[in-house]
Amino acid sequence: MTEKQLLIEDLKLINSCTDEEIEVAAEYLLTRYPQRVSNYLDDENNLALAYHICGYDGKCQQKFIEDIKFTHNVNVF
């Protein structure tokens, strides 16, 4: 499976939006944060995507989660 397919499958687990919305969100995340998404997909500790993108900053994580939900209608945790 490609990273895009893995990310789409992961996002489908926590979202009930359309496949098109999930695919657009996955493409955006892979384009904007390629290394961080890769780290998330390879993470054996199951840390959230928001953690991999924002680090330990809880406010940054929350803003990232809210922004992706607003712009792409997709939840990321």
Protein backbone atom coordinates (compact mmCIF):
# COMPACT_ATOMS: atom_id res chain seq x y z
CA MET A 1 0.00 0.00 0.00
CA THR A 2 1.18 3.52 -0.68
CA GLU A 3 1.37 6.14 2.05
CA LYS A 4 -1.70 7.83 0.55
CA GLN A 5 -3.70 4.60 0.69
CA LEU A 6 -2.58 3.96 4.27
CA LEU A 7 -3.53 7.48 5.32
CA ILE A 8 -6.92 7.20 3.60
CA GLU A 9 -7.63 3.89 5.36
CA ASP A 10 -6.63 5.44 8.68
CA LEU A 11 -8.81 8.51 8.16
CA LYS A 12 -11.78 6.33 7.19
CA LEU A 13 -11.68 4.73 10.65
CA ILE A 14 -12.59 7.99 12.38
CA ASN A 15 -14.60 9.80 9.69
CA SER A 16 -17.97 9.30 8.09
CA CYS A 17 -17.52 11.90 5.36
CA THR A 18 -17.28 11.04 1.68
CA ASP A 19 -14.40 9.16 0.12
CA GLU A 20 -13.69 12.24 -2.01
CA GLU A 21 -13.33 14.44 1.08
CA ILE A 22 -10.98 11.96 2.69
CA GLU A 23 -8.90 11.65 -0.48
CA VAL A 24 -8.58 15.44 -0.81
CA ALA A 25 -7.59 15.73 2.86
CA ALA A 26 -5.03 12.93 2.52
CA GLU A 27 -3.53 14.58 -0.56
CA TYR A 28 -3.34 17.91 1.29
CA LEU A 29 -1.68 16.36 4.34
CA LEU A 30 0.84 14.43 2.25
CA THR A 31 1.67 17.52 0.21
CA ARG A 32 1.90 19.92 3.15
CA TYR A 33 3.52 17.59 5.74
CA PRO A 34 5.09 14.66 3.84
CA GLN A 35 7.76 13.67 6.37
CA ARG A 36 5.50 14.15 9.38
CA VAL A 37 2.73 12.04 7.83
CA SER A 38 5.31 9.38 7.03
CA ASN A 39 6.48 9.45 10.66
CA TYR A 40 2.85 9.11 11.80
CA LEU A 41 2.20 6.15 9.51
CA ASP A 42 5.35 4.38 10.72
CA ASP A 43 4.76 5.17 14.41
CA GLU A 44 4.69 2.04 16.57
CA ASN A 45 3.54 4.08 19.59
CA ASN A 46 0.28 5.14 17.89
CA LEU A 47 0.79 8.83 18.55
CA ALA A 48 -1.75 11.08 16.85
CA LEU A 49 -1.22 12.84 13.54
CA ALA A 50 -1.66 16.14 15.37
CA TYR A 51 1.24 15.18 17.64
CA HIS A 52 3.51 14.41 14.71
CA ILE A 53 2.68 17.74 13.06
CA CYS A 54 2.60 19.99 16.14
CA GLY A 55 4.73 18.23 18.72
CA TYR A 56 3.77 18.57 22.39
CA ASP A 57 2.02 21.94 21.95
CA GLY A 58 -1.59 21.14 22.90
CA LYS A 59 -2.96 24.46 21.65
CA CYS A 60 -1.25 23.97 18.29
CA GLN A 61 -2.63 20.43 18.09
CA GLN A 62 -6.15 21.62 18.84
CA LYS A 63 -5.91 24.41 16.24
CA PHE A 64 -4.58 21.96 13.65
CA ILE A 65 -7.45 19.53 14.36
CA GLU A 66 -10.03 22.32 14.14
CA ASP A 67 -8.50 23.77 10.95
CA ILE A 68 -8.52 20.43 9.11
CA LYS A 69 -12.10 19.79 10.25
CA PHE A 70 -13.14 23.25 9.02
CA THR A 71 -11.28 23.22 5.70
CA HIS A 72 -11.65 19.53 4.75
CA ASN A 73 -14.49 18.20 6.95
CA VAL A 74 -12.10 15.50 8.21
CA ASN A 75 -11.20 14.65 11.79
CA VAL A 76 -7.58 13.90 12.63
CA PHE A 77 -6.42 12.82 16.07
